[in-house]
Amino acid sequence: MLDLAILGLLHESPMHGYELRKQLSTKLGTIRAAISYGSLYPTLRRLQTAGWITEAGETPADDAGVPPLTSRRGRVVYKITAEGKERFQDLLAQVGPEAYEDAAFGVHFAFFSRTDVDIRLRILEGRRRKVEERREGFREVLARAAVRLDAYTLELQRHGFDAADREVRWLEELIANERSGRSPQARGATGPAPDTDLERPLTARPGPDDSAE
């Protein structure tokens, strides 16, 4: 999915490697875009070899946007080619199971504004099915093995169930919006994320299928 992310960013504007890495973090989030220079630059070279991007020159040596110790690779400006734009559209149109995986879905979703509505719907529906399966897996663990799990392992399973259930509801809202032609509702910076709630305190509460004790 790194190909899709890089081509999508360069489709918006030429930029050098350091700026690409920054924009990957901004566009996709720091967790999904924990991309090292060790993986970024080999991908850039491969995209160049394929003819999908090309070098557009170098930034000035005193460019404030590039750290002083960054190598020449960080100063080369890359831009997408006409063939690269076609490749980007091909990648956007992929709707197979690989598009529903966690990181892949995040990249696809980041470029939904450039994706046809029918493709968006198919990806959202596929992602919902995948997360529903994950949620049911957590439900079964909680229902069958709760008495055999220690409190912290049980809490981790409950957290997984809650996160999956929250994402399913988020996806259902997105699907309903797509079908009605509405854009997603804007959320405040402090609003809840669909699948990130990693620092919730441990609480003693019943699981989804637990009866009162």
N, C-alpha and C. Protein backbone atom coordinates (compact mmCIF):
# COMPACT_ATOMS: atom_id res chain seq x y z
N MET A 1 0.81 -1.21 0.00
CA MET A 1 0.00 0.00 0.00
C MET A 1 0.84 1.27 0.00
N LEU A 2 2.15 1.10 0.23
CA LEU A 2 3.03 2.27 0.20
C LEU A 2 3.04 2.89 -1.19
N ASP A 3 2.92 2.07 -2.23
CA ASP A 3 2.86 2.60 -3.59
C ASP A 3 1.67 3.55 -3.74
N LEU A 4 0.51 3.12 -3.29
CA LEU A 4 -0.69 3.94 -3.39
C LEU A 4 -0.53 5.23 -2.62
N ALA A 5 0.01 5.16 -1.42
CA ALA A 5 0.17 6.35 -0.60
C ALA A 5 1.12 7.35 -1.25
N ILE A 6 2.26 6.87 -1.74
CA ILE A 6 3.25 7.78 -2.36
C ILE A 6 2.70 8.39 -3.64
N LEU A 7 2.11 7.56 -4.50
CA LEU A 7 1.56 8.08 -5.75
C LEU A 7 0.44 9.07 -5.47
N GLY A 8 -0.37 8.79 -4.45
CA GLY A 8 -1.46 9.71 -4.12
C GLY A 8 -0.95 11.06 -3.65
N LEU A 9 0.08 11.06 -2.83
CA LEU A 9 0.64 12.32 -2.35
C LEU A 9 1.32 13.09 -3.48
N LEU A 10 2.06 12.39 -4.33
CA LEU A 10 2.73 13.07 -5.44
C LEU A 10 1.73 13.51 -6.50
N HIS A 11 0.57 12.89 -6.52
CA HIS A 11 -0.49 13.34 -7.43
C HIS A 11 -0.96 14.74 -7.02
N GLU A 12 -0.86 15.02 -5.72
CA GLU A 12 -1.27 16.33 -5.21
C GLU A 12 -0.20 17.39 -5.42
N SER A 13 1.06 16.98 -5.26
CA SER A 13 2.15 17.96 -5.39
C SER A 13 3.50 17.25 -5.39
N PRO A 14 4.48 17.74 -6.18
CA PRO A 14 5.83 17.19 -6.09
C PRO A 14 6.40 17.47 -4.70
N MET A 15 7.23 16.59 -4.21
CA MET A 15 7.87 16.83 -2.90
C MET A 15 9.09 15.95 -2.75
N HIS A 16 9.96 16.32 -1.81
CA HIS A 16 11.16 15.53 -1.56
C HIS A 16 10.86 14.44 -0.53
N GLY A 17 11.82 13.54 -0.35
CA GLY A 17 11.59 12.37 0.48
C GLY A 17 11.22 12.70 1.91
N TYR A 18 11.90 13.68 2.50
CA TYR A 18 11.59 14.04 3.88
C TYR A 18 10.17 14.56 4.00
N GLU A 19 9.76 15.39 3.05
CA GLU A 19 8.40 15.92 3.07
C GLU A 19 7.38 14.81 2.83
N LEU A 20 7.72 13.86 1.97
CA LEU A 20 6.84 12.71 1.74
C LEU A 20 6.58 11.97 3.04
N ARG A 21 7.64 11.73 3.78
CA ARG A 21 7.48 10.99 5.04
C ARG A 21 6.61 11.78 6.01
N LYS A 22 6.81 13.08 6.09
CA LYS A 22 5.97 13.91 6.96
C LYS A 22 4.51 13.85 6.53
N GLN A 23 4.27 13.94 5.23
CA GLN A 23 2.90 13.94 4.73
C GLN A 23 2.24 12.58 4.91
N LEU A 24 3.01 11.51 4.82
CA LEU A 24 2.46 10.18 5.07
C LEU A 24 1.93 10.10 6.50
N SER A 25 2.70 10.65 7.44
CA SER A 25 2.25 10.66 8.83
C SER A 25 1.02 11.54 9.02
N THR A 26 1.01 12.69 8.34
CA THR A 26 -0.13 13.60 8.47
C THR A 26 -1.38 13.01 7.83
N LYS A 27 -1.22 12.42 6.67
CA LYS A 27 -2.36 11.92 5.91
C LYS A 27 -2.93 10.65 6.52
N LEU A 28 -2.06 9.75 6.97
CA LEU A 28 -2.50 8.44 7.40
C LEU A 28 -2.48 8.25 8.91
N GLY A 29 -1.84 9.15 9.63
CA GLY A 29 -1.72 8.97 11.08
C GLY A 29 -0.40 8.32 11.41
N THR A 30 0.13 8.66 12.58
CA THR A 30 1.48 8.20 12.94
C THR A 30 1.55 6.69 13.09
N ILE A 31 0.46 6.03 13.52
CA ILE A 31 0.52 4.58 13.71
C ILE A 31 0.56 3.87 12.37
N ARG A 32 -0.33 4.27 11.43
CA ARG A 32 -0.37 3.60 10.13
C ARG A 32 0.84 3.96 9.28
N ALA A 33 1.43 5.11 9.54
CA ALA A 33 2.51 5.57 8.66
C ALA A 33 3.85 5.58 9.36
N ALA A 34 4.11 4.58 10.19
CA ALA A 34 5.41 4.47 10.85
C ALA A 34 6.40 3.93 9.82
N ILE A 35 6.73 4.79 8.86
CA ILE A 35 7.52 4.37 7.71
C ILE A 35 8.95 4.90 7.86
N SER A 36 9.91 4.02 7.79
CA SER A 36 11.31 4.42 7.93
C SER A 36 11.87 4.81 6.57
N TYR A 37 12.98 5.53 6.61
CA TYR A 37 13.66 5.84 5.36
C TYR A 37 14.13 4.56 4.68
N GLY A 38 14.38 3.51 5.49
CA GLY A 38 14.82 2.24 4.93
C GLY A 38 13.78 1.60 4.02
N SER A 39 12.49 1.87 4.26
CA SER A 39 11.45 1.33 3.38
C SER A 39 10.98 2.35 2.35
N LEU A 40 11.08 3.63 2.69
CA LEU A 40 10.59 4.67 1.79
C LEU A 40 11.46 4.78 0.53
N TYR A 41 12.76 4.88 0.69
CA TYR A 41 13.61 5.14 -0.47
C TYR A 41 13.73 3.96 -1.44
N PRO A 42 13.78 2.72 -0.97
CA PRO A 42 13.71 1.62 -1.95
C PRO A 42 12.41 1.64 -2.74
N THR A 43 11.32 2.03 -2.10
CA THR A 43 10.05 2.12 -2.83
C THR A 43 10.09 3.24 -3.85
N LEU A 44 10.68 4.36 -3.50
CA LEU A 44 10.80 5.46 -4.46
C LEU A 44 11.65 5.03 -5.66
N ARG A 45 12.73 4.30 -5.40
CA ARG A 45 13.57 3.83 -6.52
C ARG A 45 12.79 2.87 -7.41
N ARG A 46 12.00 2.00 -6.80
CA ARG A 46 11.23 1.05 -7.58
C ARG A 46 10.16 1.76 -8.41
N LEU A 47 9.53 2.76 -7.85
CA LEU A 47 8.54 3.53 -8.60
C LEU A 47 9.19 4.29 -9.76
N GLN A 48 10.41 4.77 -9.54
CA GLN A 48 11.14 5.42 -10.62
C GLN A 48 11.45 4.42 -11.74
N THR A 49 11.93 3.25 -11.36
CA THR A 49 12.26 2.23 -12.36
C THR A 49 11.04 1.84 -13.18
N ALA A 50 9.88 1.80 -12.53
CA ALA A 50 8.64 1.46 -13.23
C ALA A 50 8.14 2.60 -14.11
N GLY A 51 8.72 3.80 -13.95
CA GLY A 51 8.30 4.95 -14.74
C GLY A 51 7.09 5.67 -14.18
N TRP A 52 6.75 5.41 -12.91
CA TRP A 52 5.57 6.03 -12.31
C TRP A 52 5.88 7.35 -11.61
N ILE A 53 7.14 7.56 -11.24
CA ILE A 53 7.57 8.85 -10.72
C ILE A 53 8.91 9.20 -11.34
N THR A 54 9.30 10.45 -11.23
CA THR A 54 10.59 10.89 -11.77
C THR A 54 11.13 11.99 -10.88
N GLU A 55 12.43 12.24 -10.99
CA GLU A 55 13.03 13.32 -10.22
C GLU A 55 12.76 14.64 -10.92
N ALA A 56 12.40 15.64 -10.12
CA ALA A 56 12.07 16.95 -10.67
C ALA A 56 13.09 18.00 -10.25
N GLY A 57 14.28 17.57 -9.80
CA GLY A 57 15.30 18.51 -9.36
C GLY A 57 15.59 18.32 -7.89
N GLU A 58 16.25 19.31 -7.29
CA GLU A 58 16.59 19.24 -5.88
C GLU A 58 16.15 20.52 -5.20
N THR A 59 15.84 20.40 -3.88
CA THR A 59 15.55 21.60 -3.10
C THR A 59 16.86 22.31 -2.80
N PRO A 60 16.82 23.62 -2.56
CA PRO A 60 18.05 24.34 -2.22
C PRO A 60 18.71 23.77 -0.98
N ALA A 61 20.01 23.89 -0.89
CA ALA A 61 20.74 23.34 0.25
C ALA A 61 20.31 23.95 1.56
N ASP A 62 19.82 25.21 1.55
CA ASP A 62 19.42 25.87 2.78
C ASP A 62 17.92 25.80 3.01
N ASP A 63 17.23 24.89 2.32
CA ASP A 63 15.78 24.76 2.48
C ASP A 63 15.47 24.42 3.93
N ALA A 64 14.66 25.25 4.59
CA ALA A 64 14.34 25.04 6.00
C ALA A 64 13.49 23.81 6.22
N GLY A 65 12.87 23.30 5.16
CA GLY A 65 12.01 22.14 5.29
C GLY A 65 12.76 20.83 5.36
N VAL A 66 14.07 20.84 5.11
CA VAL A 66 14.87 19.63 5.14
C VAL A 66 15.88 19.74 6.27
N PRO A 67 15.94 18.77 7.18
CA PRO A 67 16.90 18.83 8.28
C PRO A 67 18.32 18.94 7.77
N PRO A 68 19.20 19.65 8.49
CA PRO A 68 20.57 19.88 8.03
C PRO A 68 21.34 18.60 7.73
N LEU A 69 21.11 17.53 8.49
CA LEU A 69 21.89 16.30 8.32
C LEU A 69 21.26 15.32 7.35
N THR A 70 20.15 15.72 6.72
CA THR A 70 19.51 14.83 5.76
C THR A 70 20.39 14.66 4.53
N SER A 71 20.49 13.44 4.03
CA SER A 71 21.34 13.17 2.87
C SER A 71 20.74 13.75 1.60
N ARG A 72 21.50 13.63 0.51
CA ARG A 72 21.03 14.15 -0.77
C ARG A 72 19.70 13.54 -1.15
N ARG A 73 19.47 12.26 -0.76
CA ARG A 73 18.21 11.62 -1.11
C ARG A 73 17.02 12.40 -0.57
N GLY A 74 17.21 13.02 0.61
CA GLY A 74 16.13 13.78 1.22
C GLY A 74 15.88 15.10 0.51
N ARG A 75 16.81 15.54 -0.36
CA ARG A 75 16.65 16.82 -1.05
C ARG A 75 16.14 16.66 -2.48
N VAL A 76 16.14 15.44 -3.00
CA VAL A 76 15.63 15.20 -4.35
C VAL A 76 14.12 15.38 -4.35
N VAL A 77 13.61 16.15 -5.29
CA VAL A 77 12.17 16.35 -5.41
C VAL A 77 11.62 15.34 -6.41
N TYR A 78 10.57 14.67 -6.01
CA TYR A 78 9.93 13.66 -6.87
C TYR A 78 8.58 14.18 -7.36
N LYS A 79 8.23 13.77 -8.58
CA LYS A 79 6.91 14.11 -9.10
C LYS A 79 6.34 12.90 -9.82
N ILE A 80 5.03 12.83 -9.89
CA ILE A 80 4.37 11.71 -10.54
C ILE A 80 4.34 11.91 -12.05
N THR A 81 4.42 10.82 -12.79
CA THR A 81 4.36 10.88 -14.26
C THR A 81 2.93 10.57 -14.72
N ALA A 82 2.69 10.72 -16.03
CA ALA A 82 1.38 10.37 -16.57
C ALA A 82 1.08 8.89 -16.33
N GLU A 83 2.10 8.04 -16.50
CA GLU A 83 1.92 6.62 -16.24
C GLU A 83 1.64 6.37 -14.76
N GLY A 84 2.28 7.17 -13.91
CA GLY A 84 2.05 7.05 -12.48
C GLY A 84 0.63 7.41 -12.09
N LYS A 85 0.05 8.40 -12.77
CA LYS A 85 -1.34 8.77 -12.50
C LYS A 85 -2.28 7.64 -12.90
N GLU A 86 -1.97 6.97 -14.01
CA GLU A 86 -2.79 5.83 -14.41
C GLU A 86 -2.66 4.69 -13.39
N ARG A 87 -1.44 4.46 -12.92
CA ARG A 87 -1.22 3.42 -11.92
C ARG A 87 -1.97 3.76 -10.63
N PHE A 88 -1.96 5.01 -10.24
CA PHE A 88 -2.68 5.45 -9.04
C PHE A 88 -4.16 5.14 -9.16
N GLN A 89 -4.74 5.43 -10.32
CA GLN A 89 -6.17 5.15 -10.52
C GLN A 89 -6.44 3.65 -10.48
N ASP A 90 -5.52 2.86 -11.04
CA ASP A 90 -5.68 1.41 -10.99
C ASP A 90 -5.67 0.91 -9.55
N LEU A 91 -4.76 1.44 -8.74
CA LEU A 91 -4.67 1.03 -7.34
C LEU A 91 -5.91 1.46 -6.56
N LEU A 92 -6.42 2.64 -6.86
CA LEU A 92 -7.63 3.12 -6.19
C LEU A 92 -8.82 2.20 -6.47
N ALA A 93 -8.85 1.61 -7.66
CA ALA A 93 -10.00 0.81 -8.08
C ALA A 93 -9.95 -0.61 -7.55
N GLN A 94 -8.88 -1.00 -6.86
CA GLN A 94 -8.79 -2.36 -6.34
C GLN A 94 -9.75 -2.54 -5.17
N VAL A 95 -10.55 -3.60 -5.23
CA VAL A 95 -11.57 -3.82 -4.20
C VAL A 95 -11.50 -5.24 -3.63
N GLY A 96 -10.40 -5.94 -3.87
CA GLY A 96 -10.25 -7.29 -3.35
C GLY A 96 -10.04 -7.30 -1.85
N PRO A 97 -9.96 -8.50 -1.26
CA PRO A 97 -9.79 -8.63 0.19
C PRO A 97 -8.59 -7.86 0.73
N GLU A 98 -7.54 -7.69 -0.09
CA GLU A 98 -6.36 -6.96 0.39
C GLU A 98 -6.69 -5.51 0.72
N ALA A 99 -7.75 -4.97 0.14
CA ALA A 99 -8.13 -3.58 0.42
C ALA A 99 -8.82 -3.42 1.76
N TYR A 100 -9.20 -4.54 2.40
CA TYR A 100 -9.91 -4.48 3.67
C TYR A 100 -9.00 -4.61 4.87
N GLU A 101 -7.73 -4.99 4.64
CA GLU A 101 -6.80 -5.14 5.75
C GLU A 101 -6.58 -3.80 6.44
N ASP A 102 -6.10 -3.85 7.68
CA ASP A 102 -6.04 -2.64 8.50
C ASP A 102 -5.29 -1.49 7.82
N ALA A 103 -4.00 -1.72 7.49
CA ALA A 103 -3.20 -0.64 6.91
C ALA A 103 -3.69 -0.29 5.51
N ALA A 104 -4.03 -1.30 4.71
CA ALA A 104 -4.48 -1.04 3.35
C ALA A 104 -5.78 -0.24 3.34
N PHE A 105 -6.70 -0.59 4.22
CA PHE A 105 -7.96 0.16 4.29
C PHE A 105 -7.70 1.62 4.66
N GLY A 106 -6.79 1.85 5.59
CA GLY A 106 -6.48 3.22 5.98
C GLY A 106 -5.96 4.05 4.82
N VAL A 107 -5.10 3.45 3.99
CA VAL A 107 -4.56 4.17 2.84
C VAL A 107 -5.66 4.44 1.82
N HIS A 108 -6.46 3.41 1.51
CA HIS A 108 -7.57 3.62 0.58
C HIS A 108 -8.50 4.72 1.07
N PHE A 109 -8.82 4.67 2.35
CA PHE A 109 -9.76 5.64 2.90
C PHE A 109 -9.21 7.06 2.82
N ALA A 110 -7.90 7.20 2.99
CA ALA A 110 -7.28 8.52 2.93
C ALA A 110 -7.46 9.18 1.57
N PHE A 111 -7.66 8.36 0.53
CA PHE A 111 -7.82 8.90 -0.83
C PHE A 111 -9.23 8.66 -1.37
N PHE A 112 -10.20 8.51 -0.48
CA PHE A 112 -11.58 8.28 -0.91
C PHE A 112 -12.14 9.44 -1.73
N SER A 113 -11.65 10.64 -1.48
CA SER A 113 -12.18 11.78 -2.25
C SER A 113 -11.85 11.67 -3.73
N ARG A 114 -10.86 10.84 -4.07
CA ARG A 114 -10.49 10.62 -5.47
C ARG A 114 -11.02 9.28 -6.01
N THR A 115 -11.83 8.60 -5.21
CA THR A 115 -12.31 7.27 -5.56
C THR A 115 -13.78 7.32 -5.95
N ASP A 116 -14.16 6.55 -6.97
CA ASP A 116 -15.56 6.50 -7.40
C ASP A 116 -16.44 5.95 -6.28
N VAL A 117 -17.68 6.42 -6.23
CA VAL A 117 -18.57 6.07 -5.13
C VAL A 117 -18.83 4.57 -5.07
N ASP A 118 -18.96 3.89 -6.20
CA ASP A 118 -19.22 2.45 -6.16
C ASP A 118 -18.04 1.69 -5.60
N ILE A 119 -16.82 2.18 -5.87
CA ILE A 119 -15.63 1.56 -5.31
C ILE A 119 -15.59 1.81 -3.80
N ARG A 120 -15.90 3.04 -3.39
CA ARG A 120 -15.92 3.35 -1.96
C ARG A 120 -16.88 2.42 -1.22
N LEU A 121 -18.06 2.23 -1.79
CA LEU A 121 -19.05 1.37 -1.14
C LEU A 121 -18.57 -0.07 -1.02
N ARG A 122 -17.97 -0.58 -2.08
CA ARG A 122 -17.51 -1.97 -2.04
C ARG A 122 -16.40 -2.15 -1.01
N ILE A 123 -15.51 -1.18 -0.90
CA ILE A 123 -14.45 -1.27 0.10
C ILE A 123 -15.02 -1.15 1.51
N LEU A 124 -15.94 -0.23 1.72
CA LEU A 124 -16.54 -0.05 3.04
C LEU A 124 -17.32 -1.30 3.45
N GLU A 125 -18.06 -1.87 2.52
CA GLU A 125 -18.84 -3.08 2.84
C GLU A 125 -17.93 -4.27 3.11
N GLY A 126 -16.83 -4.38 2.34
CA GLY A 126 -15.88 -5.45 2.59
C GLY A 126 -15.19 -5.29 3.93
N ARG A 127 -14.83 -4.05 4.27
CA ARG A 127 -14.21 -3.79 5.57
C ARG A 127 -15.19 -4.10 6.70
N ARG A 128 -16.45 -3.74 6.52
CA ARG A 128 -17.44 -4.03 7.56
C ARG A 128 -17.54 -5.54 7.81
N ARG A 129 -17.60 -6.33 6.73
CA ARG A 129 -17.67 -7.78 6.90
C ARG A 129 -16.46 -8.31 7.67
N LYS A 130 -15.29 -7.79 7.33
CA LYS A 130 -14.07 -8.25 7.99
C LYS A 130 -14.09 -7.91 9.47
N VAL A 131 -14.50 -6.69 9.81
CA VAL A 131 -14.51 -6.28 11.21
C VAL A 131 -15.63 -6.98 11.97
N GLU A 132 -16.74 -7.25 11.31
CA GLU A 132 -17.81 -8.02 11.96
C GLU A 132 -17.31 -9.42 12.34
N GLU A 133 -16.54 -10.04 11.45
CA GLU A 133 -15.96 -11.35 11.76
C GLU A 133 -15.02 -11.24 12.95
N ARG A 134 -14.23 -10.18 12.99
CA ARG A 134 -13.31 -9.98 14.11
C ARG A 134 -14.10 -9.80 15.41
N ARG A 135 -15.16 -9.01 15.34
CA ARG A 135 -15.99 -8.77 16.52
C ARG A 135 -16.59 -10.07 17.04
N GLU A 136 -17.08 -10.92 16.11
CA GLU A 136 -17.68 -12.18 16.53
C GLU A 136 -16.64 -13.10 17.15
N GLY A 137 -15.41 -13.02 16.67
CA GLY A 137 -14.34 -13.81 17.28
C GLY A 137 -14.12 -13.41 18.73
N PHE A 138 -14.08 -12.10 18.98
CA PHE A 138 -13.95 -11.63 20.37
C PHE A 138 -15.17 -12.04 21.20
N ARG A 139 -16.36 -11.97 20.61
CA ARG A 139 -17.57 -12.33 21.33
C ARG A 139 -17.51 -13.80 21.78
N GLU A 140 -17.04 -14.67 20.88
CA GLU A 140 -16.97 -16.09 21.22
C GLU A 140 -15.96 -16.34 22.34
N VAL A 141 -14.83 -15.64 22.27
CA VAL A 141 -13.83 -15.80 23.33
C VAL A 141 -14.42 -15.38 24.66
N LEU A 142 -15.10 -14.24 24.68
CA LEU A 142 -15.67 -13.74 25.92
C LEU A 142 -16.76 -14.65 26.45
N ALA A 143 -17.54 -15.22 25.56
CA ALA A 143 -18.64 -16.07 25.99
C ALA A 143 -18.16 -17.43 26.50
N ARG A 144 -17.09 -17.97 25.88
CA ARG A 144 -16.68 -19.34 26.19
C ARG A 144 -15.53 -19.43 27.18
N ALA A 145 -14.67 -18.42 27.20
CA ALA A 145 -13.43 -18.57 27.95
C ALA A 145 -13.27 -17.54 29.07
N ALA A 146 -14.30 -16.77 29.36
CA ALA A 146 -14.15 -15.71 30.35
C ALA A 146 -13.70 -16.25 31.70
N VAL A 147 -14.21 -17.40 32.11
CA VAL A 147 -13.86 -17.93 33.43
C VAL A 147 -12.42 -18.43 33.48
N ARG A 148 -11.80 -18.67 32.32
CA ARG A 148 -10.43 -19.20 32.30
C ARG A 148 -9.38 -18.12 32.06
N LEU A 149 -9.82 -16.88 31.86
CA LEU A 149 -8.88 -15.79 31.58
C LEU A 149 -8.63 -14.96 32.82
N ASP A 150 -7.39 -14.51 32.98
CA ASP A 150 -7.13 -13.59 34.08
C ASP A 150 -7.73 -12.23 33.74
N ALA A 151 -7.81 -11.35 34.73
CA ALA A 151 -8.53 -10.09 34.58
C ALA A 151 -7.97 -9.23 33.45
N TYR A 152 -6.66 -9.22 33.27
CA TYR A 152 -6.07 -8.34 32.26
C TYR A 152 -6.26 -8.91 30.86
N THR A 153 -6.12 -10.21 30.71
CA THR A 153 -6.38 -10.81 29.41
C THR A 153 -7.84 -10.64 29.03
N LEU A 154 -8.73 -10.81 30.00
CA LEU A 154 -10.15 -10.62 29.75
C LEU A 154 -10.44 -9.18 29.34
N GLU A 155 -9.80 -8.24 30.00
CA GLU A 155 -10.00 -6.84 29.66
C GLU A 155 -9.50 -6.54 28.25
N LEU A 156 -8.39 -7.17 27.86
CA LEU A 156 -7.88 -6.98 26.50
C LEU A 156 -8.87 -7.50 25.47
N GLN A 157 -9.48 -8.65 25.75
CA GLN A 157 -10.49 -9.19 24.84
C GLN A 157 -11.71 -8.28 24.77
N ARG A 158 -12.11 -7.74 25.90
CA ARG A 158 -13.25 -6.81 25.90
C ARG A 158 -12.92 -5.54 25.12
N HIS A 159 -11.70 -5.09 25.29
CA HIS A 159 -11.28 -3.91 24.53
C HIS A 159 -11.34 -4.19 23.03
N GLY A 160 -10.86 -5.37 22.62
CA GLY A 160 -10.93 -5.73 21.21
C GLY A 160 -12.35 -5.79 20.70
N PHE A 161 -13.24 -6.37 21.50
CA PHE A 161 -14.64 -6.41 21.10
C PHE A 161 -15.21 -5.00 20.97
N ASP A 162 -14.96 -4.15 21.97
CA ASP A 162 -15.50 -2.78 21.93
C ASP A 162 -14.99 -2.02 20.72
N ALA A 163 -13.68 -2.16 20.42
CA ALA A 163 -13.10 -1.44 19.29
C ALA A 163 -13.71 -1.91 17.98
N ALA A 164 -13.88 -3.23 17.84
CA ALA A 164 -14.48 -3.76 16.61
C ALA A 164 -15.93 -3.33 16.49
N ASP A 165 -16.67 -3.38 17.60
CA ASP A 165 -18.08 -2.97 17.57
C ASP A 165 -18.21 -1.50 17.21
N ARG A 166 -17.32 -0.67 17.75
CA ARG A 166 -17.33 0.76 17.45
C ARG A 166 -17.02 1.00 15.97
N GLU A 167 -16.06 0.25 15.42
CA GLU A 167 -15.72 0.44 14.02
C GLU A 167 -16.85 -0.02 13.11
N VAL A 168 -17.55 -1.10 13.47
CA VAL A 168 -18.68 -1.55 12.66
C VAL A 168 -19.74 -0.45 12.60
N ARG A 169 -20.04 0.15 13.73
CA ARG A 169 -21.05 1.22 13.74
C ARG A 169 -20.60 2.43 12.92
N TRP A 170 -19.31 2.74 12.98
CA TRP A 170 -18.74 3.83 12.17
C TRP A 170 -18.87 3.52 10.68
N LEU A 171 -18.53 2.29 10.31
CA LEU A 171 -18.63 1.88 8.91
C LEU A 171 -20.07 1.91 8.42
N GLU A 172 -21.00 1.48 9.27
CA GLU A 172 -22.40 1.50 8.88
C GLU A 172 -22.87 2.92 8.63
N GLU A 173 -22.39 3.86 9.43
CA GLU A 173 -22.74 5.27 9.21
C GLU A 173 -22.17 5.77 7.89
N LEU A 174 -20.92 5.41 7.61
CA LEU A 174 -20.30 5.82 6.35
C LEU A 174 -21.03 5.24 5.15
N ILE A 175 -21.39 3.96 5.24
CA ILE A 175 -22.11 3.31 4.15
C ILE A 175 -23.46 3.98 3.91
N ALA A 176 -24.15 4.30 4.99
CA ALA A 176 -25.45 4.98 4.85
C ALA A 176 -25.27 6.34 4.19
N ASN A 177 -24.21 7.05 4.56
CA ASN A 177 -23.94 8.36 3.96
C ASN A 177 -23.65 8.22 2.47
N GLU A 178 -22.83 7.22 2.11
CA GLU A 178 -22.49 7.02 0.70
C GLU A 178 -23.74 6.71 -0.12
N ARG A 179 -24.60 5.87 0.42
CA ARG A 179 -25.81 5.49 -0.32
C ARG A 179 -26.79 6.65 -0.48
N SER A 180 -26.74 7.59 0.45
CA SER A 180 -27.65 8.73 0.37
C SER A 180 -27.00 9.95 -0.28
N GLY A 181 -25.72 9.82 -0.66
CA GLY A 181 -25.02 10.92 -1.31
C GLY A 181 -24.50 11.98 -0.39
N ARG A 182 -24.43 11.68 0.92
CA ARG A 182 -23.92 12.66 1.88
C ARG A 182 -22.44 12.43 2.15
N SER A 183 -21.76 13.51 2.52
CA SER A 183 -20.37 13.40 2.94
C SER A 183 -20.33 13.03 4.41
N PRO A 184 -19.21 12.42 4.88
CA PRO A 184 -19.10 12.11 6.31
C PRO A 184 -19.23 13.37 7.15
N GLN A 185 -19.84 13.22 8.33
CA GLN A 185 -19.98 14.35 9.24
C GLN A 185 -18.61 14.75 9.78
N ALA A 186 -18.33 16.04 9.80
CA ALA A 186 -17.06 16.52 10.34
C ALA A 186 -17.06 16.31 11.85
N ARG A 187 -15.95 15.80 12.37
CA ARG A 187 -15.81 15.58 13.80
C ARG A 187 -14.76 16.52 14.35
N GLY A 188 -14.93 16.91 15.60
CA GLY A 188 -13.95 17.74 16.26
C GLY A 188 -12.68 16.97 16.53
N ALA A 189 -11.61 17.70 16.82
CA ALA A 189 -10.32 17.05 17.06
C ALA A 189 -10.37 16.13 18.26
N THR A 190 -11.29 16.38 19.19
CA THR A 190 -11.36 15.55 20.38
C THR A 190 -12.42 14.47 20.26
N GLY A 191 -13.05 14.34 19.10
CA GLY A 191 -14.09 13.34 18.90
C GLY A 191 -13.51 11.95 18.89
N PRO A 192 -14.35 10.93 19.12
CA PRO A 192 -13.86 9.56 19.19
C PRO A 192 -13.42 9.04 17.85
N ALA A 193 -12.35 8.30 17.82
CA ALA A 193 -11.88 7.64 16.61
C ALA A 193 -12.58 6.31 16.48
N PRO A 194 -12.72 5.78 15.25
CA PRO A 194 -13.45 4.53 15.08
C PRO A 194 -12.79 3.32 15.69
N ASP A 195 -11.46 3.28 15.74
CA ASP A 195 -10.82 2.06 16.19
C ASP A 195 -9.58 2.33 17.02
N THR A 196 -9.47 3.52 17.62
CA THR A 196 -8.31 3.81 18.44
C THR A 196 -8.77 4.27 19.81
N ASP A 197 -8.48 3.48 20.82
CA ASP A 197 -8.85 3.81 22.20
C ASP A 197 -7.93 3.01 23.09
N LEU A 198 -6.62 3.21 22.91
CA LEU A 198 -5.65 2.28 23.44
C LEU A 198 -5.27 2.54 24.89
N GLU A 199 -5.76 3.62 25.48
CA GLU A 199 -5.33 3.93 26.83
C GLU A 199 -6.50 3.99 27.79
N ARG A 200 -7.55 3.20 27.53
CA ARG A 200 -8.68 3.18 28.43
C ARG A 200 -8.28 2.49 29.71
N PRO A 201 -8.75 2.98 30.87
CA PRO A 201 -8.41 2.31 32.13
C PRO A 201 -9.12 0.97 32.23
N LEU A 202 -8.53 0.05 33.00
CA LEU A 202 -9.17 -1.22 33.25
C LEU A 202 -10.40 -1.00 34.10
N THR A 203 -11.51 -1.60 33.73
CA THR A 203 -12.74 -1.47 34.50
C THR A 203 -13.38 -2.84 34.62
N ALA A 204 -14.00 -3.08 35.73
CA ALA A 204 -14.71 -4.34 35.93
C ALA A 204 -16.13 -4.16 35.45
N ARG A 205 -16.46 -4.80 34.34
CA ARG A 205 -17.79 -4.69 33.77
C ARG A 205 -18.13 -5.98 33.07
N PRO A 206 -19.40 -6.30 32.90
CA PRO A 206 -19.76 -7.55 32.21
C PRO A 206 -19.35 -7.50 30.75
N GLY A 207 -19.06 -8.67 30.17
CA GLY A 207 -18.81 -8.77 28.74
C GLY A 207 -20.11 -8.70 28.00
N PRO A 208 -20.08 -8.75 26.65
CA PRO A 208 -21.27 -8.56 25.82
C PRO A 208 -22.32 -9.62 26.05
N ASP A 209 -21.90 -10.84 26.47
CA ASP A 209 -22.86 -11.92 26.66
C ASP A 209 -22.95 -12.38 28.11
N ASP A 210 -22.24 -11.65 29.01
CA ASP A 210 -22.22 -12.06 30.40
C ASP A 210 -23.54 -11.74 31.08
N SER A 211 -23.99 -12.59 31.93
CA SER A 211 -25.17 -12.30 32.74
C SER A 211 -24.72 -11.69 34.06
N ALA A 212 -25.63 -11.05 34.74
CA ALA A 212 -25.28 -10.42 36.00
C ALA A 212 -24.89 -11.49 37.01
N GLU A 213 -23.88 -11.22 37.80
CA GLU A 213 -23.41 -12.19 38.79
C GLU A 213 -24.10 -11.96 40.12
